Amino acid sequence: MRRLACIAVLYSFCALSSAAEPRARDLGIPFEGTPGPLNALTDIAEITVGQVTLIEDLADAHKVRTGVTAILPRGKASADTPVFAGWFALNGNGEMTG
Protein backbone atom coordinates (compact mmCIF):
# COMPACT_ATOMS: atom_id res chain seq x y z
CA MET A 1 0.00 0.00 0.00
CA ARG A 2 2.87 2.36 0.83
CA ARG A 3 4.38 1.81 -2.63
CA LEU A 4 1.03 2.61 -4.26
CA ALA A 5 0.82 5.83 -2.23
CA CYS A 6 4.34 6.82 -3.33
CA ILE A 7 3.45 6.20 -6.95
CA ALA A 8 0.29 8.29 -6.58
CA VAL A 9 2.27 11.17 -5.05
CA LEU A 10 4.90 10.97 -7.81
CA TYR A 11 2.19 10.92 -10.49
CA SER A 12 0.47 13.94 -8.91
CA PHE A 13 3.76 15.82 -8.75
CA CYS A 14 4.51 15.09 -12.41
CA ALA A 15 1.02 16.17 -13.45
CA LEU A 16 1.31 19.42 -11.52
CA SER A 17 4.84 20.20 -12.69
CA SER A 18 3.86 19.74 -16.34
CA ALA A 19 1.32 22.56 -16.12
CA ALA A 20 2.36 25.74 -17.92
CA GLU A 21 4.09 27.71 -15.17
CA PRO A 22 5.42 31.21 -15.81
CA ARG A 23 9.11 31.27 -16.77
CA ALA A 24 11.64 33.27 -14.76
CA ARG A 25 11.90 36.02 -17.39
CA ASP A 26 8.09 36.32 -17.39
CA LEU A 27 8.24 37.01 -13.64
CA GLY A 28 10.75 39.83 -14.17
CA ILE A 29 13.89 38.00 -13.01
CA PRO A 30 16.77 39.57 -14.95
CA PHE A 31 19.23 37.42 -16.90
CA GLU A 32 22.10 38.43 -19.14
CA GLY A 33 21.51 38.19 -22.88
CA THR A 34 18.32 37.56 -24.79
CA PRO A 35 16.68 34.21 -25.49
CA GLY A 36 16.76 32.75 -29.00
CA PRO A 37 13.67 32.27 -31.15
CA LEU A 38 12.84 28.91 -29.54
CA ASN A 39 14.23 29.78 -26.08
CA ALA A 40 16.03 26.43 -26.22
CA LEU A 41 19.49 24.92 -26.11
CA THR A 42 19.26 24.30 -29.85
CA ASP A 43 19.18 28.07 -30.48
CA ILE A 44 22.97 28.09 -29.93
CA ALA A 45 24.68 27.49 -33.29
CA GLU A 46 27.70 25.61 -31.88
CA ILE A 47 25.66 23.01 -29.98
CA THR A 48 24.39 19.80 -31.55
CA VAL A 49 21.65 17.89 -29.76
CA GLY A 50 20.57 14.37 -30.68
CA GLN A 51 17.92 12.10 -29.23
CA VAL A 52 16.82 8.53 -29.91
CA THR A 53 13.86 6.66 -28.44
CA LEU A 54 13.75 2.89 -28.80
CA ILE A 55 10.33 1.21 -28.58
CA GLU A 56 10.32 -2.47 -29.40
CA ASP A 57 7.98 -5.35 -28.61
CA LEU A 58 10.05 -8.53 -28.54
CA ALA A 59 8.84 -11.96 -29.64
CA ASP A 60 9.01 -13.27 -26.04
CA ALA A 61 6.38 -10.68 -24.95
CA HIS A 62 9.00 -8.41 -23.33
CA LYS A 63 8.80 -4.73 -24.15
CA VAL A 64 11.72 -2.35 -24.62
CA ARG A 65 11.15 1.31 -23.82
CA THR A 66 14.36 3.31 -23.56
CA GLY A 67 16.15 6.28 -25.00
CA VAL A 68 19.18 8.52 -24.91
CA THR A 69 19.90 12.21 -25.42
CA ALA A 70 23.36 13.43 -26.42
CA ILE A 71 24.57 17.02 -26.31
CA LEU A 72 27.75 17.88 -28.23
CA PRO A 73 28.72 21.31 -26.86
CA ARG A 74 31.16 22.00 -29.71
CA GLY A 75 29.23 20.31 -32.52
CA LYS A 76 29.89 17.11 -34.45
CA ALA A 77 33.23 18.28 -35.87
CA SER A 78 34.85 18.18 -32.42
CA ALA A 79 33.46 14.80 -31.31
CA ASP A 80 37.03 13.52 -30.74
CA THR A 81 37.97 16.44 -28.47
CA PRO A 82 37.32 15.70 -24.76
CA VAL A 83 35.01 17.93 -22.70
CA PHE A 84 33.83 17.83 -19.11
CA ALA A 85 30.65 15.79 -18.88
CA GLY A 86 28.05 14.41 -16.54
CA TRP A 87 25.43 11.70 -16.78
CA PHE A 88 22.19 10.73 -15.15
CA ALA A 89 20.50 7.35 -15.31
CA LEU A 90 16.92 6.70 -14.25
CA ASN A 91 14.71 3.73 -14.89
CA GLY A 92 11.37 2.43 -13.72
CA ASN A 93 12.65 0.10 -11.00
CA GLY A 94 11.86 2.35 -8.07
CA GLU A 95 14.93 4.56 -7.70
CA MET A 96 12.76 7.66 -7.67
CA THR A 97 10.16 6.24 -5.27
CA GLY A 98 12.43 4.35 -2.88
PDB file of N, CA and C in Angstrom:
ATOM      1  N   MET A   1       0.830  -1.201   0.000  1.00  0.00           N
ATOM      2  CA  MET A   1       0.000   0.000   0.000  1.00  0.00           C
ATOM      3  C   MET A   1       0.867   1.254   0.000  1.00  0.00           C
ATOM      4  N   ARG A   2       1.988   1.197   0.755  1.00  0.00           N
ATOM      5  CA  ARG A   2       2.870   2.360   0.828  1.00  0.00           C
ATOM      6  C   ARG A   2       3.458   2.667  -0.550  1.00  0.00           C
ATOM      7  N   ARG A   3       3.823   1.607  -1.290  1.00  0.00           N
ATOM      8  CA  ARG A   3       4.378   1.805  -2.630  1.00  0.00           C
ATOM      9  C   ARG A   3       3.342   2.460  -3.549  1.00  0.00           C
ATOM     10  N   LEU A   4       2.097   2.031  -3.449  1.00  0.00           N
ATOM     11  CA  LEU A   4       1.031   2.612  -4.258  1.00  0.00           C
ATOM     12  C   LEU A   4       0.852   4.089  -3.924  1.00  0.00           C
ATOM     13  N   ALA A   5       0.949   4.433  -2.644  1.00  0.00           N
ATOM     14  CA  ALA A   5       0.821   5.832  -2.229  1.00  0.00           C
ATOM     15  C   ALA A   5       1.974   6.663  -2.787  1.00  0.00           C
ATOM     16  N   CYS A   6       3.190   6.107  -2.782  1.00  0.00           N
ATOM     17  CA  CYS A   6       4.344   6.823  -3.329  1.00  0.00           C
ATOM     18  C   CYS A   6       4.178   7.059  -4.826  1.00  0.00           C
ATOM     19  N   ILE A   7       3.675   6.062  -5.516  1.00  0.00           N
ATOM     20  CA  ILE A   7       3.451   6.199  -6.954  1.00  0.00           C
ATOM     21  C   ILE A   7       2.396   7.265  -7.218  1.00  0.00           C
ATOM     22  N   ALA A   8       1.351   7.292  -6.416  1.00  0.00           N
ATOM     23  CA  ALA A   8       0.293   8.292  -6.582  1.00  0.00           C
ATOM     24  C   ALA A   8       0.840   9.701  -6.348  1.00  0.00           C
ATOM     25  N   VAL A   9       1.680   9.859  -5.330  1.00  0.00           N
ATOM     26  CA  VAL A   9       2.274  11.171  -5.050  1.00  0.00           C
ATOM     27  C   VAL A   9       3.184  11.595  -6.196  1.00  0.00           C
ATOM     28  N   LEU A  10       4.006  10.660  -6.693  1.00  0.00           N
ATOM     29  CA  LEU A  10       4.897  10.965  -7.808  1.00  0.00           C
ATOM     30  C   LEU A  10       4.100  11.344  -9.047  1.00  0.00           C
ATOM     31  N   TYR A  11       3.039  10.611  -9.334  1.00  0.00           N
ATOM     32  CA  TYR A  11       2.190  10.916 -10.488  1.00  0.00           C
ATOM     33  C   TYR A  11       1.569  12.300 -10.342  1.00  0.00           C
ATOM     34  N   SER A  12       1.078  12.626  -9.149  1.00  0.00           N
ATOM     35  CA  SER A  12       0.469  13.937  -8.912  1.00  0.00           C
ATOM     36  C   SER A  12       1.484  15.049  -9.104  1.00  0.00           C
ATOM     37  N   PHE A  13       2.708  14.827  -8.598  1.00  0.00           N
ATOM     38  CA  PHE A  13       3.764  15.821  -8.746  1.00  0.00           C
ATOM     39  C   PHE A  13       4.079  16.057 -10.216  1.00  0.00           C
ATOM     40  N   CYS A  14       4.202  14.973 -10.982  1.00  0.00           N
ATOM     41  CA  CYS A  14       4.508  15.090 -12.411  1.00  0.00           C
ATOM     42  C   CYS A  14       3.381  15.822 -13.144  1.00  0.00           C
ATOM     43  N   ALA A  15       2.157  15.521 -12.803  1.00  0.00           N
ATOM     44  CA  ALA A  15       1.017  16.170 -13.450  1.00  0.00           C
ATOM     45  C   ALA A  15       1.004  17.662 -13.132  1.00  0.00           C
ATOM     46  N   LEU A  16       1.300  18.015 -11.891  1.00  0.00           N
ATOM     47  CA  LEU A  16       1.310  19.423 -11.518  1.00  0.00           C
ATOM     48  C   LEU A  16       2.489  20.158 -12.133  1.00  0.00           C
ATOM     49  N   SER A  17       3.659  19.514 -12.177  1.00  0.00           N
ATOM     50  CA  SER A  17       4.836  20.198 -12.691  1.00  0.00           C
ATOM     51  C   SER A  17       4.787  20.372 -14.195  1.00  0.00           C
ATOM     52  N   SER A  18       3.941  19.596 -14.893  1.00  0.00           N
ATOM     53  CA  SER A  18       3.863  19.739 -16.338  1.00  0.00           C
ATOM     54  C   SER A  18       2.919  20.866 -16.751  1.00  0.00           C
ATOM     55  N   ALA A  19       2.195  21.437 -15.805  1.00  0.00           N
ATOM     56  CA  ALA A  19       1.318  22.563 -16.122  1.00  0.00           C
ATOM     57  C   ALA A  19       2.165  23.754 -16.549  1.00  0.00           C
ATOM     58  N   ALA A  20       1.619  24.592 -17.396  1.00  0.00           N
ATOM     59  CA  ALA A  20       2.361  25.738 -17.916  1.00  0.00           C
ATOM     60  C   ALA A  20       2.572  26.766 -16.803  1.00  0.00           C
ATOM     61  N   GLU A  21       3.734  26.747 -16.217  1.00  0.00           N
ATOM     62  CA  GLU A  21       4.093  27.706 -15.175  1.00  0.00           C
ATOM     63  C   GLU A  21       4.790  28.893 -15.836  1.00  0.00           C
ATOM     64  N   PRO A  22       4.700  30.071 -15.234  1.00  0.00           N
ATOM     65  CA  PRO A  22       5.422  31.207 -15.813  1.00  0.00           C
ATOM     66  C   PRO A  22       6.934  30.977 -15.722  1.00  0.00           C
ATOM     67  N   ARG A  23       7.659  31.402 -16.751  1.00  0.00           N
ATOM     68  CA  ARG A  23       9.108  31.275 -16.768  1.00  0.00           C
ATOM     69  C   ARG A  23       9.718  32.420 -15.972  1.00  0.00           C
ATOM     70  N   ALA A  24      10.967  32.275 -15.594  1.00  0.00           N
ATOM     71  CA  ALA A  24      11.638  33.273 -14.762  1.00  0.00           C
ATOM     72  C   ALA A  24      11.632  34.651 -15.410  1.00  0.00           C
ATOM     73  N   ARG A  25      11.907  34.713 -16.711  1.00  0.00           N
ATOM     74  CA  ARG A  25      11.900  36.016 -17.395  1.00  0.00           C
ATOM     75  C   ARG A  25      10.506  36.650 -17.359  1.00  0.00           C
ATOM     76  N   ASP A  26       9.461  35.805 -17.449  1.00  0.00           N
ATOM     77  CA  ASP A  26       8.088  36.315 -17.391  1.00  0.00           C
ATOM     78  C   ASP A  26       7.770  36.933 -16.036  1.00  0.00           C
ATOM     79  N   LEU A  27       8.467  36.487 -14.993  1.00  0.00           N
ATOM     80  CA  LEU A  27       8.241  37.008 -13.642  1.00  0.00           C
ATOM     81  C   LEU A  27       9.115  38.221 -13.348  1.00  0.00           C
ATOM     82  N   GLY A  28       9.921  38.635 -14.344  1.00  0.00           N
ATOM     83  CA  GLY A  28      10.748  39.826 -14.171  1.00  0.00           C
ATOM     84  C   GLY A  28      12.125  39.557 -13.599  1.00  0.00           C
ATOM     85  N   ILE A  29      12.548  38.312 -13.504  1.00  0.00           N
ATOM     86  CA  ILE A  29      13.887  37.996 -13.010  1.00  0.00           C
ATOM     87  C   ILE A  29      14.882  38.297 -14.127  1.00  0.00           C
ATOM     88  N   PRO A  30      15.856  39.171 -13.876  1.00  0.00           N
ATOM     89  CA  PRO A  30      16.766  39.575 -14.947  1.00  0.00           C
ATOM     90  C   PRO A  30      17.860  38.527 -15.201  1.00  0.00           C
ATOM     91  N   PHE A  31      18.131  38.272 -16.463  1.00  0.00           N
ATOM     92  CA  PHE A  31      19.231  37.417 -16.896  1.00  0.00           C
ATOM     93  C   PHE A  31      20.017  38.170 -17.954  1.00  0.00           C
ATOM     94  N   GLU A  32      21.298  37.831 -18.083  1.00  0.00           N
ATOM     95  CA  GLU A  32      22.103  38.433 -19.143  1.00  0.00           C
ATOM     96  C   GLU A  32      21.662  37.867 -20.483  1.00  0.00           C
ATOM     97  N   GLY A  33      21.802  38.651 -21.537  1.00  0.00           N
ATOM     98  CA  GLY A  33      21.508  38.192 -22.883  1.00  0.00           C
ATOM     99  C   GLY A  33      20.015  38.149 -23.176  1.00  0.00           C
ATOM    100  N   THR A  34      19.713  37.703 -24.379  1.00  0.00           N
ATOM    101  CA  THR A  34      18.321  37.565 -24.787  1.00  0.00           C
ATOM    102  C   THR A  34      18.092  36.137 -25.274  1.00  0.00           C
ATOM    103  N   PRO A  35      16.931  35.578 -25.043  1.00  0.00           N
ATOM    104  CA  PRO A  35      16.679  34.210 -25.492  1.00  0.00           C
ATOM    105  C   PRO A  35      16.577  34.145 -27.012  1.00  0.00           C
ATOM    106  N   GLY A  36      16.871  32.968 -27.562  1.00  0.00           N
ATOM    107  CA  GLY A  36      16.758  32.754 -28.997  1.00  0.00           C
ATOM    108  C   GLY A  36      15.305  32.592 -29.400  1.00  0.00           C
ATOM    109  N   PRO A  37      15.057  32.348 -30.676  1.00  0.00           N
ATOM    110  CA  PRO A  37      13.674  32.265 -31.153  1.00  0.00           C
ATOM    111  C   PRO A  37      12.873  31.123 -30.526  1.00  0.00           C
ATOM    112  N   LEU A  38      13.546  30.025 -30.166  1.00  0.00           N
ATOM    113  CA  LEU A  38      12.843  28.906 -29.539  1.00  0.00           C
ATOM    114  C   LEU A  38      13.037  28.866 -28.023  1.00  0.00           C
ATOM    115  N   ASN A  39      13.888  29.771 -27.493  1.00  0.00           N
ATOM    116  CA  ASN A  39      14.226  29.784 -26.078  1.00  0.00           C
ATOM    117  C   ASN A  39      14.695  28.393 -25.644  1.00  0.00           C
ATOM    118  N   ALA A  40      15.589  27.802 -26.457  1.00  0.00           N
ATOM    119  CA  ALA A  40      16.028  26.429 -26.224  1.00  0.00           C
ATOM    120  C   ALA A  40      17.534  26.308 -26.428  1.00  0.00           C
ATOM    121  N   LEU A  41      18.072  25.221 -25.946  1.00  0.00           N
ATOM    122  CA  LEU A  41      19.487  24.924 -26.115  1.00  0.00           C
ATOM    123  C   LEU A  41      19.868  24.872 -27.596  1.00  0.00           C
ATOM    124  N   THR A  42      18.971  24.428 -28.419  1.00  0.00           N
ATOM    125  CA  THR A  42      19.256  24.305 -29.850  1.00  0.00           C
ATOM    126  C   THR A  42      19.327  25.649 -30.565  1.00  0.00           C
ATOM    127  N   ASP A  43      19.027  26.738 -29.892  1.00  0.00           N
ATOM    128  CA  ASP A  43      19.184  28.068 -30.479  1.00  0.00           C
ATOM    129  C   ASP A  43      20.657  28.454 -30.612  1.00  0.00           C
ATOM    130  N   ILE A  44      21.545  27.783 -29.904  1.00  0.00           N
ATOM    131  CA  ILE A  44      22.974  28.088 -29.931  1.00  0.00           C
ATOM    132  C   ILE A  44      23.590  27.341 -31.107  1.00  0.00           C
ATOM    133  N   ALA A  45      24.189  28.070 -32.038  1.00  0.00           N
ATOM    134  CA  ALA A  45      24.676  27.489 -33.288  1.00  0.00           C
ATOM    135  C   ALA A  45      25.741  26.419 -33.078  1.00  0.00           C
ATOM    136  N   GLU A  46      26.603  26.552 -32.076  1.00  0.00           N
ATOM    137  CA  GLU A  46      27.705  25.613 -31.884  1.00  0.00           C
ATOM    138  C   GLU A  46      27.279  24.285 -31.276  1.00  0.00           C
ATOM    139  N   ILE A  47      26.099  24.208 -30.704  1.00  0.00           N
ATOM    140  CA  ILE A  47      25.662  23.015 -29.975  1.00  0.00           C
ATOM    141  C   ILE A  47      24.850  22.101 -30.890  1.00  0.00           C
ATOM    142  N   THR A  48      25.175  20.808 -30.830  1.00  0.00           N
ATOM    143  CA  THR A  48      24.394  19.801 -31.549  1.00  0.00           C
ATOM    144  C   THR A  48      23.703  18.920 -30.520  1.00  0.00           C
ATOM    145  N   VAL A  49      22.418  18.726 -30.672  1.00  0.00           N
ATOM    146  CA  VAL A  49      21.649  17.893 -29.759  1.00  0.00           C
ATOM    147  C   VAL A  49      21.028  16.749 -30.559  1.00  0.00           C
ATOM    148  N   GLY A  50      21.179  15.534 -30.036  1.00  0.00           N
ATOM    149  CA  GLY A  50      20.575  14.373 -30.683  1.00  0.00           C
ATOM    150  C   GLY A  50      19.801  13.555 -29.673  1.00  0.00           C
ATOM    151  N   GLN A  51      18.752  12.895 -30.128  1.00  0.00           N
ATOM    152  CA  GLN A  51      17.915  12.099 -29.230  1.00  0.00           C
ATOM    153  C   GLN A  51      17.390  10.902 -30.000  1.00  0.00           C
ATOM    154  N   VAL A  52      17.360   9.752 -29.326  1.00  0.00           N
ATOM    155  CA  VAL A  52      16.816   8.528 -29.911  1.00  0.00           C
ATOM    156  C   VAL A  52      15.927   7.860 -28.876  1.00  0.00           C
ATOM    157  N   THR A  53      14.746   7.445 -29.282  1.00  0.00           N
ATOM    158  CA  THR A  53      13.856   6.657 -28.436  1.00  0.00           C
ATOM    159  C   THR A  53      13.698   5.294 -29.084  1.00  0.00           C
ATOM    160  N   LEU A  54      13.880   4.249 -28.302  1.00  0.00           N
ATOM    161  CA  LEU A  54      13.747   2.886 -28.802  1.00  0.00           C
ATOM    162  C   LEU A  54      12.505   2.261 -28.181  1.00  0.00           C
ATOM    163  N   ILE A  55      11.552   1.896 -29.020  1.00  0.00           N
ATOM    164  CA  ILE A  55      10.334   1.215 -28.584  1.00  0.00           C
ATOM    165  C   ILE A  55      10.246  -0.063 -29.392  1.00  0.00           C
ATOM    166  N   GLU A  56      10.304  -1.189 -28.703  1.00  0.00           N
ATOM    167  CA  GLU A  56      10.318  -2.472 -29.404  1.00  0.00           C
ATOM    168  C   GLU A  56       9.558  -3.510 -28.585  1.00  0.00           C
ATOM    169  N   ASP A  57       8.681  -4.232 -29.240  1.00  0.00           N
ATOM    170  CA  ASP A  57       7.976  -5.353 -28.612  1.00  0.00           C
ATOM    171  C   ASP A  57       8.651  -6.630 -29.092  1.00  0.00           C
ATOM    172  N   LEU A  58       9.291  -7.336 -28.179  1.00  0.00           N
ATOM    173  CA  LEU A  58      10.046  -8.529 -28.535  1.00  0.00           C
ATOM    174  C   LEU A  58       9.126  -9.739 -28.694  1.00  0.00           C
ATOM    175  N   ALA A  59       9.625 -10.757 -29.377  1.00  0.00           N
ATOM    176  CA  ALA A  59       8.839 -11.960 -29.639  1.00  0.00           C
ATOM    177  C   ALA A  59       8.470 -12.701 -28.351  1.00  0.00           C
ATOM    178  N   ASP A  60       9.292 -12.572 -27.303  1.00  0.00           N
ATOM    179  CA  ASP A  60       9.012 -13.273 -26.043  1.00  0.00           C
ATOM    180  C   ASP A  60       8.100 -12.471 -25.118  1.00  0.00           C
ATOM    181  N   ALA A  61       7.366 -11.520 -25.661  1.00  0.00           N
ATOM    182  CA  ALA A  61       6.384 -10.685 -24.951  1.00  0.00           C
ATOM    183  C   ALA A  61       7.037  -9.613 -24.062  1.00  0.00           C
ATOM    184  N   HIS A  62       8.351  -9.496 -24.050  1.00  0.00           N
ATOM    185  CA  HIS A  62       9.001  -8.409 -23.330  1.00  0.00           C
ATOM    186  C   HIS A  62       8.903  -7.144 -24.166  1.00  0.00           C
ATOM    187  N   LYS A  63       8.886  -6.021 -23.471  1.00  0.00           N
ATOM    188  CA  LYS A  63       8.796  -4.735 -24.147  1.00  0.00           C
ATOM    189  C   LYS A  63      10.031  -3.904 -23.809  1.00  0.00           C
ATOM    190  N   VAL A  64      10.566  -3.229 -24.805  1.00  0.00           N
ATOM    191  CA  VAL A  64      11.718  -2.353 -24.622  1.00  0.00           C
ATOM    192  C   VAL A  64      11.239  -0.920 -24.791  1.00  0.00           C
ATOM    193  N   ARG A  65      11.486  -0.106 -23.788  1.00  0.00           N
ATOM    194  CA  ARG A  65      11.151   1.314 -23.819  1.00  0.00           C
ATOM    195  C   ARG A  65      12.339   2.050 -23.221  1.00  0.00           C
ATOM    196  N   THR A  66      13.165   2.636 -24.053  1.00  0.00           N
ATOM    197  CA  THR A  66      14.359   3.312 -23.560  1.00  0.00           C
ATOM    198  C   THR A  66      14.742   4.425 -24.515  1.00  0.00           C
ATOM    199  N   GLY A  67      15.706   5.205 -24.139  1.00  0.00           N
ATOM    200  CA  GLY A  67      16.148   6.278 -25.004  1.00  0.00           C
ATOM    201  C   GLY A  67      17.406   6.932 -24.481  1.00  0.00           C
ATOM    202  N   VAL A  68      17.972   7.800 -25.295  1.00  0.00           N
ATOM    203  CA  VAL A  68      19.179   8.522 -24.908  1.00  0.00           C
ATOM    204  C   VAL A  68      19.164   9.892 -25.575  1.00  0.00           C
ATOM    205  N   THR A  69      19.706  10.874 -24.867  1.00  0.00           N
ATOM    206  CA  THR A  69      19.897  12.209 -25.425  1.00  0.00           C
ATOM    207  C   THR A  69      21.374  12.539 -25.318  1.00  0.00           C
ATOM    208  N   ALA A  70      21.953  13.033 -26.404  1.00  0.00           N
ATOM    209  CA  ALA A  70      23.364  13.425 -26.416  1.00  0.00           C
ATOM    210  C   ALA A  70      23.460  14.900 -26.766  1.00  0.00           C
ATOM    211  N   ILE A  71      24.326  15.605 -26.047  1.00  0.00           N
ATOM    212  CA  ILE A  71      24.574  17.021 -26.312  1.00  0.00           C
ATOM    213  C   ILE A  71      26.052  17.161 -26.622  1.00  0.00           C
ATOM    214  N   LEU A  72      26.360  17.620 -27.829  1.00  0.00           N
ATOM    215  CA  LEU A  72      27.747  17.875 -28.226  1.00  0.00           C
ATOM    216  C   LEU A  72      27.961  19.384 -28.148  1.00  0.00           C
ATOM    217  N   PRO A  73      28.631  19.869 -27.089  1.00  0.00           N
ATOM    218  CA  PRO A  73      28.723  21.311 -26.857  1.00  0.00           C
ATOM    219  C   PRO A  73      29.528  22.059 -27.908  1.00  0.00           C
ATOM    220  N   ARG A  74      30.362  21.344 -28.663  1.00  0.00           N
ATOM    221  CA  ARG A  74      31.162  22.003 -29.705  1.00  0.00           C
ATOM    222  C   ARG A  74      30.784  21.513 -31.100  1.00  0.00           C
ATOM    223  N   GLY A  75      29.680  20.805 -31.227  1.00  0.00           N
ATOM    224  CA  GLY A  75      29.232  20.306 -32.517  1.00  0.00           C
ATOM    225  C   GLY A  75      29.859  18.978 -32.888  1.00  0.00           C
ATOM    226  N   LYS A  76      29.416  18.419 -34.003  1.00  0.00           N
ATOM    227  CA  LYS A  76      29.889  17.106 -34.451  1.00  0.00           C
ATOM    228  C   LYS A  76      31.360  17.115 -34.850  1.00  0.00           C
ATOM    229  N   ALA A  77      31.859  18.225 -35.378  1.00  0.00           N
ATOM    230  CA  ALA A  77      33.234  18.281 -35.866  1.00  0.00           C
ATOM    231  C   ALA A  77      34.265  18.057 -34.763  1.00  0.00           C
ATOM    232  N   SER A  78      33.898  18.334 -33.516  1.00  0.00           N
ATOM    233  CA  SER A  78      34.852  18.180 -32.417  1.00  0.00           C
ATOM    234  C   SER A  78      34.516  16.981 -31.531  1.00  0.00           C
ATOM    235  N   ALA A  79      33.878  15.967 -32.097  1.00  0.00           N
ATOM    236  CA  ALA A  79      33.461  14.802 -31.305  1.00  0.00           C
ATOM    237  C   ALA A  79      34.656  14.067 -30.691  1.00  0.00           C
ATOM    238  N   ASP A  80      35.844  14.192 -31.274  1.00  0.00           N
ATOM    239  CA  ASP A  80      37.028  13.520 -30.742  1.00  0.00           C
ATOM    240  C   ASP A  80      37.752  14.343 -29.678  1.00  0.00           C
ATOM    241  N   THR A  81      37.339  15.575 -29.465  1.00  0.00           N
ATOM    242  CA  THR A  81      37.967  16.444 -28.473  1.00  0.00           C
ATOM    243  C   THR A  81      37.245  16.291 -27.138  1.00  0.00           C
ATOM    244  N   PRO A  82      37.982  15.920 -26.057  1.00  0.00           N
ATOM    245  CA  PRO A  82      37.321  15.705 -24.759  1.00  0.00           C
ATOM    246  C   PRO A  82      36.734  16.992 -24.174  1.00  0.00           C
ATOM    247  N   VAL A  83      35.638  16.838 -23.454  1.00  0.00           N
ATOM    248  CA  VAL A  83      35.014  17.930 -22.703  1.00  0.00           C
ATOM    249  C   VAL A  83      34.581  17.383 -21.348  1.00  0.00           C
ATOM    250  N   PHE A  84      34.377  18.254 -20.381  1.00  0.00           N
ATOM    251  CA  PHE A  84      33.829  17.831 -19.107  1.00  0.00           C
ATOM    252  C   PHE A  84      32.397  17.358 -19.336  1.00  0.00           C
ATOM    253  N   ALA A  85      31.986  16.335 -18.637  1.00  0.00           N
ATOM    254  CA  ALA A  85      30.653  15.789 -18.878  1.00  0.00           C
ATOM    255  C   ALA A  85      30.056  15.260 -17.583  1.00  0.00           C
ATOM    256  N   GLY A  86      28.772  15.037 -17.626  1.00  0.00           N
ATOM    257  CA  GLY A  86      28.050  14.408 -16.536  1.00  0.00           C
ATOM    258  C   GLY A  86      27.023  13.473 -17.115  1.00  0.00           C
ATOM    259  N   TRP A  87      26.466  12.602 -16.295  1.00  0.00           N
ATOM    260  CA  TRP A  87      25.435  11.698 -16.781  1.00  0.00           C
ATOM    261  C   TRP A  87      24.429  11.451 -15.674  1.00  0.00           C
ATOM    262  N   PHE A  88      23.260  11.035 -16.088  1.00  0.00           N
ATOM    263  CA  PHE A  88      22.187  10.734 -15.150  1.00  0.00           C
ATOM    264  C   PHE A  88      21.412   9.546 -15.700  1.00  0.00           C
ATOM    265  N   ALA A  89      21.250   8.548 -14.883  1.00  0.00           N
ATOM    266  CA  ALA A  89      20.503   7.353 -15.314  1.00  0.00           C
ATOM    267  C   ALA A  89      19.290   7.185 -14.403  1.00  0.00           C
ATOM    268  N   LEU A  90      18.155   6.904 -14.991  1.00  0.00           N
ATOM    269  CA  LEU A  90      16.925   6.697 -14.252  1.00  0.00           C
ATOM    270  C   LEU A  90      16.117   5.640 -14.983  1.00  0.00           C
ATOM    271  N   ASN A  91      15.595   4.705 -14.249  1.00  0.00           N
ATOM    272  CA  ASN A  91      14.710   3.731 -14.888  1.00  0.00           C
ATOM    273  C   ASN A  91      13.503   3.506 -14.007  1.00  0.00           C
ATOM    274  N   GLY A  92      12.628   2.639 -14.423  1.00  0.00           N
ATOM    275  CA  GLY A  92      11.365   2.431 -13.722  1.00  0.00           C
ATOM    276  C   GLY A  92      11.402   1.400 -12.624  1.00  0.00           C
ATOM    277  N   ASN A  93      12.561   1.133 -12.029  1.00  0.00           N
ATOM    278  CA  ASN A  93      12.647   0.095 -11.003  1.00  0.00           C
ATOM    279  C   ASN A  93      12.549   0.642  -9.583  1.00  0.00           C
ATOM    280  N   GLY A  94      12.124   1.843  -9.426  1.00  0.00           N
ATOM    281  CA  GLY A  94      11.860   2.353  -8.074  1.00  0.00           C
ATOM    282  C   GLY A  94      12.896   3.295  -7.507  1.00  0.00           C
ATOM    283  N   GLU A  95      13.926   3.668  -8.260  1.00  0.00           N
ATOM    284  CA  GLU A  95      14.931   4.561  -7.697  1.00  0.00           C
ATOM    285  C   GLU A  95      14.322   5.894  -7.248  1.00  0.00           C
ATOM    286  N   MET A  96      13.347   6.374  -7.994  1.00  0.00           N
ATOM    287  CA  MET A  96      12.756   7.656  -7.666  1.00  0.00           C
ATOM    288  C   MET A  96      11.678   7.552  -6.578  1.00  0.00           C
ATOM    289  N   THR A  97      11.190   6.371  -6.290  1.00  0.00           N
ATOM    290  CA  THR A  97      10.157   6.239  -5.269  1.00  0.00           C
ATOM    291  C   THR A  97      10.684   5.605  -3.985  1.00  0.00           C
ATOM    292  N   GLY A  98      11.893   5.065  -4.031  1.00  0.00           N
ATOM    293  CA  GLY A  98      12.434   4.350  -2.877  1.00  0.00           C
ATOM    294  C   GLY A  98      13.171   5.252  -1.958  1.00  0.00           C
TER     295      GLY A  98
END
